C-alpha atoms as a PDB file:
ATOM      1  CA  MET A   1      -0.104   0.054   0.059  1.00  0.00           C
ATOM      2  CA  ASN A   2       1.188   3.317  -1.110  1.00  0.00           C
ATOM      3  CA  PRO A   3       1.835   5.381   2.540  1.00  0.00           C
ATOM      4  CA  LEU A   4       0.595   8.511   1.258  1.00  0.00           C
ATOM      5  CA  LEU A   5      -2.664   7.016   0.686  1.00  0.00           C
ATOM      6  CA  LEU A   6      -2.548   5.143   4.411  1.00  0.00           C
ATOM      7  CA  ILE A   7      -1.842   8.709   6.102  1.00  0.00           C
ATOM      8  CA  VAL A   8      -4.645  10.272   3.582  1.00  0.00           C
ATOM      9  CA  THR A   9      -7.297   6.918   4.860  1.00  0.00           C
ATOM     10  CA  LEU A  10      -6.256   7.256   8.502  1.00  0.00           C
ATOM     11  CA  ALA A  11      -6.693  11.274   8.648  1.00  0.00           C
ATOM     12  CA  ALA A  12      -9.837  10.796   6.906  1.00  0.00           C
ATOM     13  CA  SER A  13     -11.113   8.155   9.380  1.00  0.00           C
ATOM     14  CA  ALA A  14     -10.124  10.084  12.442  1.00  0.00           C
ATOM     15  CA  ALA A  15     -12.285  12.906  11.180  1.00  0.00           C
ATOM     16  CA  THR A  16     -15.846  10.871  11.091  1.00  0.00           C
ATOM     17  CA  PRO A  17     -16.951  10.388  14.366  1.00  0.00           C
ATOM     18  CA  THR A  18     -18.125   7.065  15.302  1.00  0.00           C
ATOM     19  CA  PRO A  19     -21.973   7.796  16.018  1.00  0.00           C
ATOM     20  CA  HIS A  20     -23.420   6.496  19.764  1.00  0.00           C
ATOM     21  CA  PRO A  21     -26.720   5.372  20.092  1.00  0.00           C
ATOM     22  CA  ALA A  22     -29.305   7.961  21.903  1.00  0.00           C
ATOM     23  CA  ALA A  23     -29.476   5.190  24.942  1.00  0.00           C
ATOM     24  CA  THR A  24     -25.570   5.108  25.843  1.00  0.00           C
ATOM     25  CA  LEU A  25     -25.215   8.758  26.261  1.00  0.00           C
ATOM     26  CA  PRO A  26     -24.972   9.926  30.188  1.00  0.00           C
ATOM     27  CA  ALA A  27     -27.807  11.494  31.239  1.00  0.00           C
ATOM     28  CA  PRO A  28     -27.252  15.221  32.291  1.00  0.00           C
ATOM     29  CA  ALA A  29     -26.256  15.830  36.346  1.00  0.00           C
ATOM     30  CA  PRO A  30     -28.961  17.341  38.479  1.00  0.00           C
ATOM     31  CA  ALA A  31     -28.443  21.569  38.891  1.00  0.00           C
ATOM     32  CA  ALA A  32     -26.393  21.720  42.318  1.00  0.00           C
ATOM     33  CA  SER A  33     -27.909  23.881  44.415  1.00  0.00           C
ATOM     34  CA  ALA A  34     -26.189  25.969  47.140  1.00  0.00           C
ATOM     35  CA  SER A  35     -27.494  28.079  49.901  1.00  0.00           C
ATOM     36  CA  VAL A  36     -26.065  31.220  50.896  1.00  0.00           C
ATOM     37  CA  LYS A  37     -26.900  32.473  54.344  1.00  0.00           C
ATOM     38  CA  ILE A  38     -26.870  36.432  54.378  1.00  0.00           C
ATOM     39  CA  PRO A  39     -26.038  38.427  57.899  1.00  0.00           C
ATOM     40  CA  THR A  40     -29.087  40.179  59.026  1.00  0.00           C
ATOM     41  CA  LYS A  41     -27.116  42.903  60.318  1.00  0.00           C
ATOM     42  CA  ALA A  42     -24.604  45.086  58.682  1.00  0.00           C
ATOM     43  CA  THR A  43     -20.641  45.006  59.894  1.00  0.00           C
ATOM     44  CA  PRO A  44     -20.488  46.976  62.982  1.00  0.00           C
ATOM     45  CA  ALA A  45     -18.783  50.618  62.788  1.00  0.00           C
ATOM     46  CA  PRO A  46     -15.408  51.358  64.172  1.00  0.00           C
ATOM     47  CA  PRO A  47     -15.350  52.845  67.735  1.00  0.00           C
ATOM     48  CA  LYS A  48     -15.462  56.367  67.465  1.00  0.00           C
ATOM     49  CA  ASP A  49     -12.316  57.092  69.068  1.00  0.00           C
ATOM     50  CA  SER A  50     -10.422  54.927  66.662  1.00  0.00           C
ATOM     51  CA  PHE A  51     -10.332  57.276  63.611  1.00  0.00           C
ATOM     52  CA  VAL A  52      -9.805  61.039  64.072  1.00  0.00           C
ATOM     53  CA  PRO A  53     -10.724  62.990  60.536  1.00  0.00           C
ATOM     54  CA  ARG A  54      -7.197  64.170  59.143  1.00  0.00           C
ATOM     55  CA  VAL A  55      -6.870  68.109  58.937  1.00  0.00           C
ATOM     56  CA  GLY A  56      -4.612  69.682  56.377  1.00  0.00           C
ATOM     57  CA  ILE A  57      -0.933  68.228  56.994  1.00  0.00           C
ATOM     58  CA  SER A  58      -2.087  66.510  60.272  1.00  0.00           C
ATOM     59  CA  GLY A  59      -0.774  62.875  61.164  1.00  0.00           C
ATOM     60  CA  VAL A  60       2.778  61.154  61.197  1.00  0.00           C
ATOM     61  CA  TRP A  61       5.211  61.904  58.395  1.00  0.00           C
ATOM     62  CA  GLU A  62       8.357  59.751  57.630  1.00  0.00           C
ATOM     63  CA  ILE A  63      11.183  62.120  56.980  1.00  0.00           C
ATOM     64  CA  GLN A  64      14.551  61.680  55.202  1.00  0.00           C
ATOM     65  CA  ILE A  65      17.555  63.803  55.881  1.00  0.00           C
ATOM     66  CA  GLN A  66      19.875  63.610  53.164  1.00  0.00           C
ATOM     67  CA  ARG A  67      23.116  64.528  54.728  1.00  0.00           C
ATOM     68  CA  LEU A  68      26.483  63.795  52.763  1.00  0.00           C
ATOM     69  CA  THR A  69      27.158  61.090  54.894  1.00  0.00           C
ATOM     70  CA  GLY A  70      23.768  58.979  54.123  1.00  0.00           C
ATOM     71  CA  VAL A  71      20.426  59.315  55.065  1.00  0.00           C
ATOM     72  CA  THR A  72      18.488  59.868  58.236  1.00  0.00           C
ATOM     73  CA  TYR A  73      15.337  58.630  58.561  1.00  0.00           C
ATOM     74  CA  THR A  74      13.073  60.332  61.531  1.00  0.00           C
ATOM     75  CA  HIS A  75       9.206  61.044  62.081  1.00  0.00           C
ATOM     76  CA  PHE A  76       6.838  64.063  62.589  1.00  0.00           C
ATOM     77  CA  LYS A  77       3.790  63.097  64.064  1.00  0.00           C
ATOM     78  CA  ILE A  78       1.313  66.681  63.551  1.00  0.00           C
ATOM     79  CA  THR A  79      -1.392  68.089  64.393  1.00  0.00           C
ATOM     80  CA  GLN A  80      -3.094  71.192  62.654  1.00  0.00           C
ATOM     81  CA  LYS A  81      -5.347  73.567  63.524  1.00  0.00           C
ATOM     82  CA  ASP A  82      -5.941  76.214  61.252  1.00  0.00           C
ATOM     83  CA  ASN A  83      -2.798  77.435  60.322  1.00  0.00           C
ATOM     84  CA  VAL A  84      -0.959  76.207  63.327  1.00  0.00           C
ATOM     85  CA  LEU A  85       0.985  73.092  63.926  1.00  0.00           C
ATOM     86  CA  THR A  86       2.018  71.140  67.167  1.00  0.00           C
ATOM     87  CA  GLY A  87       3.105  67.885  67.813  1.00  0.00           C
ATOM     88  CA  GLU A  88       6.085  65.471  68.191  1.00  0.00           C
ATOM     89  CA  TYR A  89       9.505  64.982  66.408  1.00  0.00           C
ATOM     90  CA  LEU A  90      11.135  61.212  66.840  1.00  0.00           C
ATOM     91  CA  ASP A  91      14.479  61.090  65.868  1.00  0.00           C
ATOM     92  CA  GLN A  92      16.050  58.128  64.613  1.00  0.00           C
ATOM     93  CA  ASP A  93      17.347  56.785  68.367  1.00  0.00           C
ATOM     94  CA  GLY A  94      13.347  56.883  68.857  1.00  0.00           C
ATOM     95  CA  LYS A  95      13.863  60.015  71.375  1.00  0.00           C
ATOM     96  CA  LYS A  96      11.087  62.380  71.088  1.00  0.00           C
ATOM     97  CA  TYR A  97      10.879  66.052  71.326  1.00  0.00           C
ATOM     98  CA  PRO A  98       8.099  68.499  71.011  1.00  0.00           C
ATOM     99  CA  LEU A  99       7.695  70.355  67.647  1.00  0.00           C
ATOM    100  CA  PHE A 100       5.344  73.561  67.056  1.00  0.00           C
ATOM    101  CA  GLY A 101       4.970  75.207  63.406  1.00  0.00           C
ATOM    102  CA  SER A 102       2.534  76.908  60.598  1.00  0.00           C
ATOM    103  CA  VAL A 103       1.012  76.261  57.113  1.00  0.00           C
ATOM    104  CA  ASP A 104       0.499  79.094  55.112  1.00  0.00           C
ATOM    105  CA  GLY A 105      -0.556  77.340  51.420  1.00  0.00           C
ATOM    106  CA  LYS A 106       1.806  75.215  50.640  1.00  0.00           C
ATOM    107  CA  ASN A 107       4.487  76.484  52.627  1.00  0.00           C
ATOM    108  CA  VAL A 108       5.155  74.469  55.865  1.00  0.00           C
ATOM    109  CA  ARG A 109       7.565  75.608  58.707  1.00  0.00           C
ATOM    110  CA  VAL A 110       8.475  72.935  61.664  1.00  0.00           C
ATOM    111  CA  VAL A 111      10.345  73.942  64.476  1.00  0.00           C
ATOM    112  CA  VAL A 112      11.704  71.006  66.832  1.00  0.00           C
ATOM    113  CA  SER A 113      12.904  72.095  70.682  1.00  0.00           C
ATOM    114  CA  LEU A 114      15.722  70.431  71.530  1.00  0.00           C
ATOM    115  CA  PRO A 115      16.476  69.504  75.515  1.00  0.00           C
ATOM    116  CA  ASN A 116      19.578  71.977  75.118  1.00  0.00           C
ATOM    117  CA  GLY A 117      17.759  74.644  74.184  1.00  0.00           C
ATOM    118  CA  GLY A 118      18.662  74.188  70.327  1.00  0.00           C
ATOM    119  CA  THR A 119      16.034  73.822  67.494  1.00  0.00           C
ATOM    120  CA  LEU A 120      15.874  71.986  64.419  1.00  0.00           C
ATOM    121  CA  THR A 121      13.992  74.287  61.844  1.00  0.00           C
ATOM    122  CA  PHE A 122      12.208  72.669  58.692  1.00  0.00           C
ATOM    123  CA  VAL A 123      11.148  74.658  56.123  1.00  0.00           C
ATOM    124  CA  GLY A 124       9.706  73.732  52.900  1.00  0.00           C
ATOM    125  CA  THR A 125       6.686  72.946  50.596  1.00  0.00           C
ATOM    126  CA  HIS A 126       3.645  70.205  51.080  1.00  0.00           C
ATOM    127  CA  ASP A 127       2.113  68.709  47.436  1.00  0.00           C
ATOM    128  CA  SER A 128      -1.463  67.620  47.953  1.00  0.00           C
ATOM    129  CA  PHE A 129      -0.927  66.824  51.855  1.00  0.00           C
ATOM    130  CA  THR A 130       1.345  63.434  50.978  1.00  0.00           C
ATOM    131  CA  ASP A 131       4.792  64.664  50.399  1.00  0.00           C
ATOM    132  CA  MET A 132       7.080  67.232  51.650  1.00  0.00           C
ATOM    133  CA  ILE A 133      10.152  68.772  50.142  1.00  0.00           C
ATOM    134  CA  GLY A 134      12.660  71.459  51.888  1.00  0.00           C
ATOM    135  CA  MET A 135      15.863  72.356  53.653  1.00  0.00           C
ATOM    136  CA  LEU A 136      16.720  71.445  57.544  1.00  0.00           C
ATOM    137  CA  ALA A 137      18.467  74.591  59.359  1.00  0.00           C
ATOM    138  CA  LEU A 138      21.032  72.794  61.486  1.00  0.00           C
ATOM    139  CA  SER A 139      23.238  75.095  63.509  1.00  0.00           C
ATOM    140  CA  ASN A 140      25.843  75.319  61.283  1.00  0.00           C
ATOM    141  CA  ASP A 141      24.373  74.258  58.126  1.00  0.00           C
ATOM    142  CA  SER A 142      21.738  73.538  55.668  1.00  0.00           C
ATOM    143  CA  VAL A 143      20.831  70.184  53.945  1.00  0.00           C
ATOM    144  CA  PRO A 144      17.639  69.033  52.227  1.00  0.00           C
ATOM    145  CA  PHE A 145      14.678  66.784  53.401  1.00  0.00           C
ATOM    146  CA  THR A 146      11.792  65.080  52.009  1.00  0.00           C
ATOM    147  CA  ALA A 147       8.865  63.817  53.945  1.00  0.00           C
ATOM    148  CA  ALA A 148       6.014  61.048  52.893  1.00  0.00           C
ATOM    149  CA  TYR A 149       2.709  60.922  54.547  1.00  0.00           C
ATOM    150  CA  ARG A 150       1.894  57.720  56.479  1.00  0.00           C
ATOM    151  CA  PRO A 151      -1.844  56.978  56.702  1.00  0.00           C
ATOM    152  CA  LYS A 152      -2.069  54.981  59.901  1.00  0.00           C
ATOM    153  CA  TYR A 153      -3.665  56.746  62.963  1.00  0.00           C
ATOM    154  CA  ASN A 154      -1.401  54.917  65.509  1.00  0.00           C
ATOM    155  CA  TRP A 155       1.866  56.986  64.976  1.00  0.00           C
ATOM    156  CA  LEU A 156       3.977  54.086  65.976  1.00  0.00           C
ATOM    157  CA  ASP A 157       2.673  51.082  63.443  1.00  0.00           C
ATOM    158  CA  ASN A 158       4.012  53.453  60.969  1.00  0.00           C
ATOM    159  CA  LEU A 159       7.811  52.677  62.086  1.00  0.00           C
ATOM    160  CA  SER A 160       9.750  49.739  60.725  1.00  0.00           C
ATOM    161  CA  PRO A 161      13.249  48.491  61.942  1.00  0.00           C
ATOM    162  CA  GLY A 162      14.709  48.612  58.265  1.00  0.00           C
ATOM    163  CA  ALA A 163      15.045  51.307  55.779  1.00  0.00           C
ATOM    164  CA  GLY A 164      12.512  54.084  56.022  1.00  0.00           C
ATOM    165  CA  GLY A 165      12.001  53.098  59.667  1.00  0.00           C
ATOM    166  CA  MET A 166      14.028  54.311  62.814  1.00  0.00           C
ATOM    167  CA  GLY A 167      16.833  55.293  60.860  1.00  0.00           C
ATOM    168  CA  VAL A 168      18.628  52.231  60.334  1.00  0.00           C
ATOM    169  CA  PRO A 169      19.219  51.654  56.531  1.00  0.00           C
END
């Protein structure tokens, strides 16, 4: 037999399905039904004191101070009332210092009071209440800083031990 004829014959026979008698086809499975229990009460609202609506630039900010020796990570916890800022500054060693300042449009000024009588003065601008950029005035120098808003209400929840956390790169 010619091999080409064999291939064509096999291909033709494979393409034609063999009819099955109707009695041998399986019957369709009955439709499955599932019941879903819908809760009768809505999820309870969080306690009123667990969420405080954000006002202006209020909240926790992660700060990156860009020095020649490397980046230092610190944090602000800011409360804004009208154009007045109050709150705390958390340094890279985990020490807290009081801060005060002001907001005028997009311009921000934050002054941190140090125990030795000195101050750290952050002067910059905010963009859409989520980013800040500016300069930090030190006693003998100025260095750039950036800050990013961190949305968690409990500000210590925003701190992490790695990069972007407590100053450990």
